[in-house]
Amino acid sequence: MIHHTVTKGTAAMVGIVRNGYADLPGPLCHGMIAKDGRVHLIGYGRTDHAGLGDGDVLQAVVAERRLPSDDETNTDGNRHFYGFECESLGDGKDPWPDVQLEVIEKVSAAICRHHGWGSRSVIGHKEWAVTGALGANPRKATATAGRTSRRS
């Protein structure tokens, strides 16, 4: 699951995703991908990144089929998804450097290759969370999945 941080500043963001907040303990992801393409490995096992989402979406990801609309919050995604935070304000104005997009693709493809998954296993937080949460991926899940499939 690809997210964006809604913040600027790599060092501060690494600290936040590693340690969490008062009401949300860290780690908040498995890795953080900086604007310069560096991947900061943060957590392992269950991390607090996905939150509640739609079990039908999870089943579609597992089956690698077209995603349904996310209209329920009945499944804890934290135990099912790898999560990568990508440094960006996500406001449509903060640019996504090519090197960062390339690393997002490579990380996603490497995980998929390791597990024998296809690119449809790559989604954005927006495709998971009913609220259309701020953690959406940089170029929508379908675009990220398409870019990832070239590397899988």
Foldseek 3Di string as FASTA:
>chain_A
DFFEDLDDDDVVSLVCCQAPDPVAGDVQAQWEQELQGDIGGHDDAFTNHQAFWAPQQVVCLVVLHDGDAIDDRDDGCRRPDHYYYYYDSLPVPTDRDPSSLVSLLVVQLVVCVVVVHALSNFAFSCRTHNVSDNTGHDPGSVVSSVSNNVVD
